[in-house]
Amino acid sequence: MSRTDSIDTSTPAGRIFFHAMVSLAEMERELTVQRTRVGLESARLRGRVGGRRQLMNDRKVDAAKQLLASGVASRVVAANLGVSVATLYRWLPASERL
């Protein structure tokens, strides 16, 4: 069903048809959400984790702290670690960069 379909909702038959199509669309959406949740839970039980891999780890954070403490510019540290300056700042809040 789309906006271009000519369903006359001013008649009882048009209204019931419209409501039936809306109900079917809602059911299909809920089934899709349910299948997605079941699939994610199944993957989680098998040890799979979704999302992007983290670019920073403890070793990189320690290296960044040392470089920043020695006076190296943030953009140079970020480039050396292969991350953006925003990522560097996300992992090293201002209170930890002193």
PDB file of N, CA and C in Angstrom:
ATOM      1  N   MET A   1       0.841  -1.170   0.000  1.00  0.00           N
ATOM      2  CA  MET A   1       0.000   0.000   0.000  1.00  0.00           C
ATOM      3  C   MET A   1       0.892   1.240   0.000  1.00  0.00           C
ATOM      4  N   SER A   2       0.539   2.202  -0.770  1.00  0.00           N
ATOM      5  CA  SER A   2       1.315   3.434  -0.832  1.00  0.00           C
ATOM      6  C   SER A   2       0.384   4.630  -0.883  1.00  0.00           C
ATOM      7  N   ARG A   3       1.001   5.783  -0.836  1.00  0.00           N
ATOM      8  CA  ARG A   3       0.204   7.012  -0.868  1.00  0.00           C
ATOM      9  C   ARG A   3      -0.480   7.206  -2.213  1.00  0.00           C
ATOM     10  N   THR A   4       0.014   6.573  -3.241  1.00  0.00           N
ATOM     11  CA  THR A   4      -0.551   6.774  -4.576  1.00  0.00           C
ATOM     12  C   THR A   4      -1.728   5.846  -4.856  1.00  0.00           C
ATOM     13  N   ASP A   5      -1.950   4.849  -3.993  1.00  0.00           N
ATOM     14  CA  ASP A   5      -3.102   3.969  -4.195  1.00  0.00           C
ATOM     15  C   ASP A   5      -4.379   4.766  -3.982  1.00  0.00           C
ATOM     16  N   SER A   6      -5.344   4.521  -4.813  1.00  0.00           N
ATOM     17  CA  SER A   6      -6.588   5.289  -4.716  1.00  0.00           C
ATOM     18  C   SER A   6      -7.582   4.547  -3.824  1.00  0.00           C
ATOM     19  N   ILE A   7      -7.404   4.701  -2.516  1.00  0.00           N
ATOM     20  CA  ILE A   7      -8.329   4.108  -1.552  1.00  0.00           C
ATOM     21  C   ILE A   7      -9.247   5.222  -1.076  1.00  0.00           C
ATOM     22  N   ASP A   8     -10.529   5.017  -1.291  1.00  0.00           N
ATOM     23  CA  ASP A   8     -11.514   6.031  -0.894  1.00  0.00           C
ATOM     24  C   ASP A   8     -11.904   5.789   0.555  1.00  0.00           C
ATOM     25  N   THR A   9     -11.307   6.559   1.471  1.00  0.00           N
ATOM     26  CA  THR A   9     -11.578   6.355   2.896  1.00  0.00           C
ATOM     27  C   THR A   9     -12.860   7.060   3.351  1.00  0.00           C
ATOM     28  N   SER A  10     -13.583   7.626   2.423  1.00  0.00           N
ATOM     29  CA  SER A  10     -14.856   8.246   2.794  1.00  0.00           C
ATOM     30  C   SER A  10     -15.982   7.221   2.809  1.00  0.00           C
ATOM     31  N   THR A  11     -15.719   6.028   2.321  1.00  0.00           N
ATOM     32  CA  THR A  11     -16.740   4.971   2.317  1.00  0.00           C
ATOM     33  C   THR A  11     -16.396   3.945   3.397  1.00  0.00           C
ATOM     34  N   PRO A  12     -17.392   3.224   3.902  1.00  0.00           N
ATOM     35  CA  PRO A  12     -17.122   2.200   4.914  1.00  0.00           C
ATOM     36  C   PRO A  12     -16.168   1.116   4.394  1.00  0.00           C
ATOM     37  N   ALA A  13     -16.345   0.699   3.154  1.00  0.00           N
ATOM     38  CA  ALA A  13     -15.474  -0.340   2.591  1.00  0.00           C
ATOM     39  C   ALA A  13     -14.039   0.171   2.460  1.00  0.00           C
ATOM     40  N   GLY A  14     -13.857   1.415   2.080  1.00  0.00           N
ATOM     41  CA  GLY A  14     -12.524   1.992   1.960  1.00  0.00           C
ATOM     42  C   GLY A  14     -11.832   2.098   3.309  1.00  0.00           C
ATOM     43  N   ARG A  15     -12.601   2.503   4.332  1.00  0.00           N
ATOM     44  CA  ARG A  15     -12.027   2.622   5.676  1.00  0.00           C
ATOM     45  C   ARG A  15     -11.611   1.267   6.220  1.00  0.00           C
ATOM     46  N   ILE A  16     -12.443   0.243   6.045  1.00  0.00           N
ATOM     47  CA  ILE A  16     -12.102  -1.085   6.569  1.00  0.00           C
ATOM     48  C   ILE A  16     -10.888  -1.649   5.825  1.00  0.00           C
ATOM     49  N   PHE A  17     -10.819  -1.414   4.526  1.00  0.00           N
ATOM     50  CA  PHE A  17      -9.660  -1.877   3.751  1.00  0.00           C
ATOM     51  C   PHE A  17      -8.397  -1.166   4.234  1.00  0.00           C
ATOM     52  N   PHE A  18      -8.504   0.130   4.439  1.00  0.00           N
ATOM     53  CA  PHE A  18      -7.358   0.909   4.910  1.00  0.00           C
ATOM     54  C   PHE A  18      -6.884   0.390   6.273  1.00  0.00           C
ATOM     55  N   HIS A  19      -7.808   0.168   7.206  1.00  0.00           N
ATOM     56  CA  HIS A  19      -7.456  -0.311   8.538  1.00  0.00           C
ATOM     57  C   HIS A  19      -6.862  -1.720   8.484  1.00  0.00           C
ATOM     58  N   ALA A  20      -7.380  -2.556   7.608  1.00  0.00           N
ATOM     59  CA  ALA A  20      -6.832  -3.911   7.468  1.00  0.00           C
ATOM     60  C   ALA A  20      -5.383  -3.851   6.971  1.00  0.00           C
ATOM     61  N   MET A  21      -5.117  -2.988   6.000  1.00  0.00           N
ATOM     62  CA  MET A  21      -3.745  -2.862   5.474  1.00  0.00           C
ATOM     63  C   MET A  21      -2.794  -2.301   6.529  1.00  0.00           C
ATOM     64  N   VAL A  22      -3.266  -1.333   7.309  1.00  0.00           N
ATOM     65  CA  VAL A  22      -2.449  -0.763   8.380  1.00  0.00           C
ATOM     66  C   VAL A  22      -2.148  -1.833   9.426  1.00  0.00           C
ATOM     67  N   SER A  23      -3.142  -2.640   9.771  1.00  0.00           N
ATOM     68  CA  SER A  23      -2.938  -3.703  10.756  1.00  0.00           C
ATOM     69  C   SER A  23      -1.922  -4.721  10.258  1.00  0.00           C
ATOM     70  N   LEU A  24      -1.990  -5.079   8.999  1.00  0.00           N
ATOM     71  CA  LEU A  24      -1.020  -6.025   8.433  1.00  0.00           C
ATOM     72  C   LEU A  24       0.388  -5.433   8.429  1.00  0.00           C
ATOM     73  N   ALA A  25       0.500  -4.159   8.110  1.00  0.00           N
ATOM     74  CA  ALA A  25       1.809  -3.504   8.103  1.00  0.00           C
ATOM     75  C   ALA A  25       2.394  -3.446   9.513  1.00  0.00           C
ATOM     76  N   GLU A  26       1.564  -3.147  10.508  1.00  0.00           N
ATOM     77  CA  GLU A  26       2.035  -3.114  11.899  1.00  0.00           C
ATOM     78  C   GLU A  26       2.496  -4.493  12.347  1.00  0.00           C
ATOM     79  N   MET A  27       1.735  -5.523  11.992  1.00  0.00           N
ATOM     80  CA  MET A  27       2.100  -6.882  12.364  1.00  0.00           C
ATOM     81  C   MET A  27       3.440  -7.271  11.734  1.00  0.00           C
ATOM     82  N   GLU A  28       3.617  -6.953  10.465  1.00  0.00           N
ATOM     83  CA  GLU A  28       4.869  -7.285   9.780  1.00  0.00           C
ATOM     84  C   GLU A  28       6.041  -6.565  10.428  1.00  0.00           C
ATOM     85  N   ARG A  29       5.861  -5.326  10.801  1.00  0.00           N
ATOM     86  CA  ARG A  29       6.920  -4.565  11.470  1.00  0.00           C
ATOM     87  C   ARG A  29       7.275  -5.197  12.812  1.00  0.00           C
ATOM     88  N   GLU A  30       6.276  -5.559  13.592  1.00  0.00           N
ATOM     89  CA  GLU A  30       6.523  -6.184  14.892  1.00  0.00           C
ATOM     90  C   GLU A  30       7.205  -7.533  14.738  1.00  0.00           C
ATOM     91  N   LEU A  31       6.846  -8.296  13.722  1.00  0.00           N
ATOM     92  CA  LEU A  31       7.514  -9.580  13.462  1.00  0.00           C
ATOM     93  C   LEU A  31       8.980  -9.368  13.082  1.00  0.00           C
ATOM     94  N   THR A  32       9.252  -8.344  12.301  1.00  0.00           N
ATOM     95  CA  THR A  32      10.629  -8.032  11.920  1.00  0.00           C
ATOM     96  C   THR A  32      11.455  -7.667  13.145  1.00  0.00           C
ATOM     97  N   VAL A  33      10.897  -6.849  14.020  1.00  0.00           N
ATOM     98  CA  VAL A  33      11.598  -6.463  15.251  1.00  0.00           C
ATOM     99  C   VAL A  33      11.844  -7.690  16.114  1.00  0.00           C
ATOM    100  N   GLN A  34      10.847  -8.537  16.244  1.00  0.00           N
ATOM    101  CA  GLN A  34      10.977  -9.749  17.056  1.00  0.00           C
ATOM    102  C   GLN A  34      12.063 -10.670  16.480  1.00  0.00           C
ATOM    103  N   ARG A  35      12.061 -10.874  15.173  1.00  0.00           N
ATOM    104  CA  ARG A  35      13.093 -11.723  14.543  1.00  0.00           C
ATOM    105  C   ARG A  35      14.486 -11.145  14.742  1.00  0.00           C
ATOM    106  N   THR A  36      14.590  -9.825  14.648  1.00  0.00           N
ATOM    107  CA  THR A  36      15.885  -9.174  14.833  1.00  0.00           C
ATOM    108  C   THR A  36      16.385  -9.385  16.253  1.00  0.00           C
ATOM    109  N   ARG A  37      15.515  -9.203  17.234  1.00  0.00           N
ATOM    110  CA  ARG A  37      15.911  -9.400  18.637  1.00  0.00           C
ATOM    111  C   ARG A  37      16.333 -10.837  18.899  1.00  0.00           C
ATOM    112  N   VAL A  38      15.596 -11.801  18.359  1.00  0.00           N
ATOM    113  CA  VAL A  38      15.943 -13.212  18.536  1.00  0.00           C
ATOM    114  C   VAL A  38      17.296 -13.501  17.885  1.00  0.00           C
ATOM    115  N   GLY A  39      17.527 -12.961  16.710  1.00  0.00           N
ATOM    116  CA  GLY A  39      18.799 -13.163  16.022  1.00  0.00           C
ATOM    117  C   GLY A  39      19.964 -12.557  16.774  1.00  0.00           C
ATOM    118  N   LEU A  40      19.792 -11.351  17.313  1.00  0.00           N
ATOM    119  CA  LEU A  40      20.853 -10.708  18.094  1.00  0.00           C
ATOM    120  C   LEU A  40      21.149 -11.491  19.365  1.00  0.00           C
ATOM    121  N   GLU A  41      20.114 -11.977  20.035  1.00  0.00           N
ATOM    122  CA  GLU A  41      20.306 -12.759  21.254  1.00  0.00           C
ATOM    123  C   GLU A  41      21.018 -14.076  20.942  1.00  0.00           C
ATOM    124  N   SER A  42      20.634 -14.705  19.844  1.00  0.00           N
ATOM    125  CA  SER A  42      21.292 -15.944  19.432  1.00  0.00           C
ATOM    126  C   SER A  42      22.770 -15.709  19.140  1.00  0.00           C
ATOM    127  N   ALA A  43      23.073 -14.629  18.444  1.00  0.00           N
ATOM    128  CA  ALA A  43      24.464 -14.297  18.142  1.00  0.00           C
ATOM    129  C   ALA A  43      25.236 -13.995  19.418  1.00  0.00           C
ATOM    130  N   ARG A  44      24.609 -13.282  20.349  1.00  0.00           N
ATOM    131  CA  ARG A  44      25.251 -12.950  21.616  1.00  0.00           C
ATOM    132  C   ARG A  44      25.587 -14.217  22.401  1.00  0.00           C
ATOM    133  N   LEU A  45      24.669 -15.192  22.389  1.00  0.00           N
ATOM    134  CA  LEU A  45      24.914 -16.459  23.089  1.00  0.00           C
ATOM    135  C   LEU A  45      26.068 -17.234  22.462  1.00  0.00           C
ATOM    136  N   ARG A  46      26.305 -17.020  21.171  1.00  0.00           N
ATOM    137  CA  ARG A  46      27.426 -17.681  20.484  1.00  0.00           C
ATOM    138  C   ARG A  46      28.717 -16.879  20.605  1.00  0.00           C
ATOM    139  N   GLY A  47      28.662 -15.778  21.377  1.00  0.00           N
ATOM    140  CA  GLY A  47      29.866 -14.997  21.609  1.00  0.00           C
ATOM    141  C   GLY A  47      30.124 -13.895  20.609  1.00  0.00           C
ATOM    142  N   ARG A  48      29.190 -13.637  19.735  1.00  0.00           N
ATOM    143  CA  ARG A  48      29.371 -12.573  18.743  1.00  0.00           C
ATOM    144  C   ARG A  48      28.957 -11.247  19.345  1.00  0.00           C
ATOM    145  N   VAL A  49      29.716 -10.226  19.047  1.00  0.00           N
ATOM    146  CA  VAL A  49      29.417  -8.885  19.538  1.00  0.00           C
ATOM    147  C   VAL A  49      29.271  -7.978  18.336  1.00  0.00           C
ATOM    148  N   GLY A  50      28.219  -7.194  18.330  1.00  0.00           N
ATOM    149  CA  GLY A  50      27.978  -6.308  17.201  1.00  0.00           C
ATOM    150  C   GLY A  50      28.712  -4.989  17.345  1.00  0.00           C
ATOM    151  N   GLY A  51      28.644  -4.195  16.308  1.00  0.00           N
ATOM    152  CA  GLY A  51      29.242  -2.864  16.328  1.00  0.00           C
ATOM    153  C   GLY A  51      30.653  -2.855  15.773  1.00  0.00           C
ATOM    154  N   ARG A  52      31.189  -1.649  15.675  1.00  0.00           N
ATOM    155  CA  ARG A  52      32.542  -1.482  15.168  1.00  0.00           C
ATOM    156  C   ARG A  52      33.560  -1.921  16.211  1.00  0.00           C
ATOM    157  N   ARG A  53      34.711  -2.340  15.743  1.00  0.00           N
ATOM    158  CA  ARG A  53      35.798  -2.644  16.654  1.00  0.00           C
ATOM    159  C   ARG A  53      36.356  -1.339  17.180  1.00  0.00           C
ATOM    160  N   GLN A  54      36.776  -1.354  18.430  1.00  0.00           N
ATOM    161  CA  GLN A  54      37.332  -0.149  19.022  1.00  0.00           C
ATOM    162  C   GLN A  54      38.754   0.067  18.514  1.00  0.00           C
ATOM    163  N   LEU A  55      39.036   1.304  18.147  1.00  0.00           N
ATOM    164  CA  LEU A  55      40.361   1.635  17.653  1.00  0.00           C
ATOM    165  C   LEU A  55      41.358   1.839  18.784  1.00  0.00           C
ATOM    166  N   MET A  56      40.861   2.214  19.944  1.00  0.00           N
ATOM    167  CA  MET A  56      41.743   2.469  21.087  1.00  0.00           C
ATOM    168  C   MET A  56      41.724   1.275  22.034  1.00  0.00           C
ATOM    169  N   ASN A  57      42.874   1.017  22.643  1.00  0.00           N
ATOM    170  CA  ASN A  57      42.973   0.005  23.681  1.00  0.00           C
ATOM    171  C   ASN A  57      43.824   0.592  24.811  1.00  0.00           C
ATOM    172  N   ASP A  58      44.022  -0.171  25.866  1.00  0.00           N
ATOM    173  CA  ASP A  58      44.756   0.345  27.028  1.00  0.00           C
ATOM    174  C   ASP A  58      46.174   0.768  26.669  1.00  0.00           C
ATOM    175  N   ARG A  59      46.810   0.008  25.816  1.00  0.00           N
ATOM    176  CA  ARG A  59      48.184   0.327  25.416  1.00  0.00           C
ATOM    177  C   ARG A  59      48.253   1.657  24.669  1.00  0.00           C
ATOM    178  N   LYS A  60      47.305   1.884  23.765  1.00  0.00           N
ATOM    179  CA  LYS A  60      47.273   3.135  23.009  1.00  0.00           C
ATOM    180  C   LYS A  60      46.941   4.318  23.916  1.00  0.00           C
ATOM    181  N   VAL A  61      46.056   4.102  24.881  1.00  0.00           N
ATOM    182  CA  VAL A  61      45.697   5.176  25.814  1.00  0.00           C
ATOM    183  C   VAL A  61      46.922   5.571  26.630  1.00  0.00           C
ATOM    184  N   ASP A  62      47.667   4.574  27.119  1.00  0.00           N
ATOM    185  CA  ASP A  62      48.881   4.873  27.893  1.00  0.00           C
ATOM    186  C   ASP A  62      49.907   5.618  27.039  1.00  0.00           C
ATOM    187  N   ALA A  63      50.074   5.168  25.795  1.00  0.00           N
ATOM    188  CA  ALA A  63      51.019   5.837  24.890  1.00  0.00           C
ATOM    189  C   ALA A  63      50.583   7.282  24.634  1.00  0.00           C
ATOM    190  N   ALA A  64      49.280   7.483  24.436  1.00  0.00           N
ATOM    191  CA  ALA A  64      48.764   8.834  24.189  1.00  0.00           C
ATOM    192  C   ALA A  64      49.018   9.730  25.397  1.00  0.00           C
ATOM    193  N   LYS A  65      48.781   9.210  26.596  1.00  0.00           N
ATOM    194  CA  LYS A  65      49.025   9.994  27.810  1.00  0.00           C
ATOM    195  C   LYS A  65      50.483  10.421  27.901  1.00  0.00           C
ATOM    196  N   GLN A  66      51.390   9.492  27.609  1.00  0.00           N
ATOM    197  CA  GLN A  66      52.825   9.801  27.676  1.00  0.00           C
ATOM    198  C   GLN A  66      53.208  10.845  26.638  1.00  0.00           C
ATOM    199  N   LEU A  67      52.711  10.685  25.418  1.00  0.00           N
ATOM    200  CA  LEU A  67      53.044  11.637  24.359  1.00  0.00           C
ATOM    201  C   LEU A  67      52.492  13.026  24.662  1.00  0.00           C
ATOM    202  N   LEU A  68      51.262  13.081  25.132  1.00  0.00           N
ATOM    203  CA  LEU A  68      50.666  14.374  25.455  1.00  0.00           C
ATOM    204  C   LEU A  68      51.392  15.030  26.626  1.00  0.00           C
ATOM    205  N   ALA A  69      51.801  14.227  27.608  1.00  0.00           N
ATOM    206  CA  ALA A  69      52.520  14.771  28.760  1.00  0.00           C
ATOM    207  C   ALA A  69      53.881  15.330  28.355  1.00  0.00           C
ATOM    208  N   SER A  70      54.468  14.762  27.286  1.00  0.00           N
ATOM    209  CA  SER A  70      55.779  15.244  26.839  1.00  0.00           C
ATOM    210  C   SER A  70      55.659  16.448  25.907  1.00  0.00           C
ATOM    211  N   GLY A  71      54.428  16.906  25.658  1.00  0.00           N
ATOM    212  CA  GLY A  71      54.234  18.122  24.885  1.00  0.00           C
ATOM    213  C   GLY A  71      53.923  17.933  23.417  1.00  0.00           C
ATOM    214  N   VAL A  72      53.718  16.716  22.971  1.00  0.00           N
ATOM    215  CA  VAL A  72      53.383  16.463  21.563  1.00  0.00           C
ATOM    216  C   VAL A  72      51.948  16.933  21.321  1.00  0.00           C
ATOM    217  N   ALA A  73      51.708  17.556  20.183  1.00  0.00           N
ATOM    218  CA  ALA A  73      50.379  18.086  19.848  1.00  0.00           C
ATOM    219  C   ALA A  73      49.355  16.957  19.712  1.00  0.00           C
ATOM    220  N   SER A  74      48.121  17.254  20.088  1.00  0.00           N
ATOM    221  CA  SER A  74      47.048  16.251  20.052  1.00  0.00           C
ATOM    222  C   SER A  74      46.858  15.670  18.663  1.00  0.00           C
ATOM    223  N   ARG A  75      46.895  16.517  17.634  1.00  0.00           N
ATOM    224  CA  ARG A  75      46.675  16.017  16.270  1.00  0.00           C
ATOM    225  C   ARG A  75      47.804  15.098  15.829  1.00  0.00           C
ATOM    226  N   VAL A  76      49.013  15.336  16.303  1.00  0.00           N
ATOM    227  CA  VAL A  76      50.144  14.463  15.965  1.00  0.00           C
ATOM    228  C   VAL A  76      49.998  13.125  16.685  1.00  0.00           C
ATOM    229  N   VAL A  77      49.601  13.172  17.951  1.00  0.00           N
ATOM    230  CA  VAL A  77      49.386  11.937  18.720  1.00  0.00           C
ATOM    231  C   VAL A  77      48.284  11.112  18.061  1.00  0.00           C
ATOM    232  N   ALA A  78      47.188  11.771  17.701  1.00  0.00           N
ATOM    233  CA  ALA A  78      46.072  11.061  17.072  1.00  0.00           C
ATOM    234  C   ALA A  78      46.512  10.431  15.754  1.00  0.00           C
ATOM    235  N   ALA A  79      47.254  11.166  14.952  1.00  0.00           N
ATOM    236  CA  ALA A  79      47.723  10.629  13.665  1.00  0.00           C
ATOM    237  C   ALA A  79      48.646   9.427  13.877  1.00  0.00           C
ATOM    238  N   ASN A  80      49.527   9.504  14.868  1.00  0.00           N
ATOM    239  CA  ASN A  80      50.436   8.392  15.148  1.00  0.00           C
ATOM    240  C   ASN A  80      49.695   7.142  15.615  1.00  0.00           C
ATOM    241  N   LEU A  81      48.600   7.338  16.321  1.00  0.00           N
ATOM    242  CA  LEU A  81      47.823   6.204  16.814  1.00  0.00           C
ATOM    243  C   LEU A  81      46.792   5.713  15.799  1.00  0.00           C
ATOM    244  N   GLY A  82      46.613   6.453  14.720  1.00  0.00           N
ATOM    245  CA  GLY A  82      45.654   6.046  13.691  1.00  0.00           C
ATOM    246  C   GLY A  82      44.213   6.315  14.057  1.00  0.00           C
ATOM    247  N   VAL A  83      43.984   7.357  14.868  1.00  0.00           N
ATOM    248  CA  VAL A  83      42.616   7.724  15.259  1.00  0.00           C
ATOM    249  C   VAL A  83      42.424   9.210  15.006  1.00  0.00           C
ATOM    250  N   SER A  84      41.189   9.660  15.099  1.00  0.00           N
ATOM    251  CA  SER A  84      40.912  11.086  14.948  1.00  0.00           C
ATOM    252  C   SER A  84      41.164  11.787  16.277  1.00  0.00           C
ATOM    253  N   VAL A  85      41.283  13.107  16.215  1.00  0.00           N
ATOM    254  CA  VAL A  85      41.467  13.886  17.438  1.00  0.00           C
ATOM    255  C   VAL A  85      40.235  13.727  18.336  1.00  0.00           C
ATOM    256  N   ALA A  86      39.053  13.651  17.733  1.00  0.00           N
ATOM    257  CA  ALA A  86      37.827  13.472  18.518  1.00  0.00           C
ATOM    258  C   ALA A  86      37.861  12.150  19.279  1.00  0.00           C
ATOM    259  N   THR A  87      38.342  11.094  18.632  1.00  0.00           N
ATOM    260  CA  THR A  87      38.451   9.797  19.307  1.00  0.00           C
ATOM    261  C   THR A  87      39.456   9.882  20.444  1.00  0.00           C
ATOM    262  N   LEU A  88      40.564  10.541  20.200  1.00  0.00           N
ATOM    263  CA  LEU A  88      41.580  10.715  21.237  1.00  0.00           C
ATOM    264  C   LEU A  88      40.979  11.437  22.443  1.00  0.00           C
ATOM    265  N   TYR A  89      40.253  12.519  22.193  1.00  0.00           N
ATOM    266  CA  TYR A  89      39.636  13.275  23.279  1.00  0.00           C
ATOM    267  C   TYR A  89      38.539  12.474  23.985  1.00  0.00           C
ATOM    268  N   ARG A  90      37.853  11.625  23.248  1.00  0.00           N
ATOM    269  CA  ARG A  90      36.802  10.806  23.852  1.00  0.00           C
ATOM    270  C   ARG A  90      37.404   9.826  24.855  1.00  0.00           C
ATOM    271  N   TRP A  91      38.561   9.274  24.500  1.00  0.00           N
ATOM    272  CA  TRP A  91      39.217   8.301  25.372  1.00  0.00           C
ATOM    273  C   TRP A  91      40.052   8.966  26.466  1.00  0.00           C
ATOM    274  N   LEU A  92      40.457  10.193  26.251  1.00  0.00           N
ATOM    275  CA  LEU A  92      41.251  10.931  27.236  1.00  0.00           C
ATOM    276  C   LEU A  92      40.570  12.251  27.548  1.00  0.00           C
ATOM    277  N   PRO A  93      39.669  12.269  28.491  1.00  0.00           N
ATOM    278  CA  PRO A  93      39.007  13.522  28.841  1.00  0.00           C
ATOM    279  C   PRO A  93      40.046  14.561  29.274  1.00  0.00           C
ATOM    280  N   ALA A  94      39.678  15.801  29.265  1.00  0.00           N
ATOM    281  CA  ALA A  94      40.601  16.898  29.578  1.00  0.00           C
ATOM    282  C   ALA A  94      41.264  16.722  30.934  1.00  0.00           C
ATOM    283  N   SER A  95      40.540  16.179  31.901  1.00  0.00           N
ATOM    284  CA  SER A  95      41.111  15.998  33.244  1.00  0.00           C
ATOM    285  C   SER A  95      42.259  14.986  33.251  1.00  0.00           C
ATOM    286  N   GLU A  96      42.293  14.081  32.263  1.00  0.00           N
ATOM    287  CA  GLU A  96      43.355  13.070  32.211  1.00  0.00           C
ATOM    288  C   GLU A  96      44.500  13.498  31.302  1.00  0.00           C
ATOM    289  N   ARG A  97      44.332  14.600  30.585  1.00  0.00           N
ATOM    290  CA  ARG A  97      45.369  15.033  29.649  1.00  0.00           C
ATOM    291  C   ARG A  97      46.359  15.988  30.283  1.00  0.00           C
ATOM    292  N   LEU A  98      46.188  16.349  31.521  1.00  0.00           N
ATOM    293  CA  LEU A  98      47.054  17.320  32.182  1.00  0.00           C
ATOM    294  C   LEU A  98      48.381  16.716  32.557  1.00  0.00           C
TER     295      LEU A  98
END
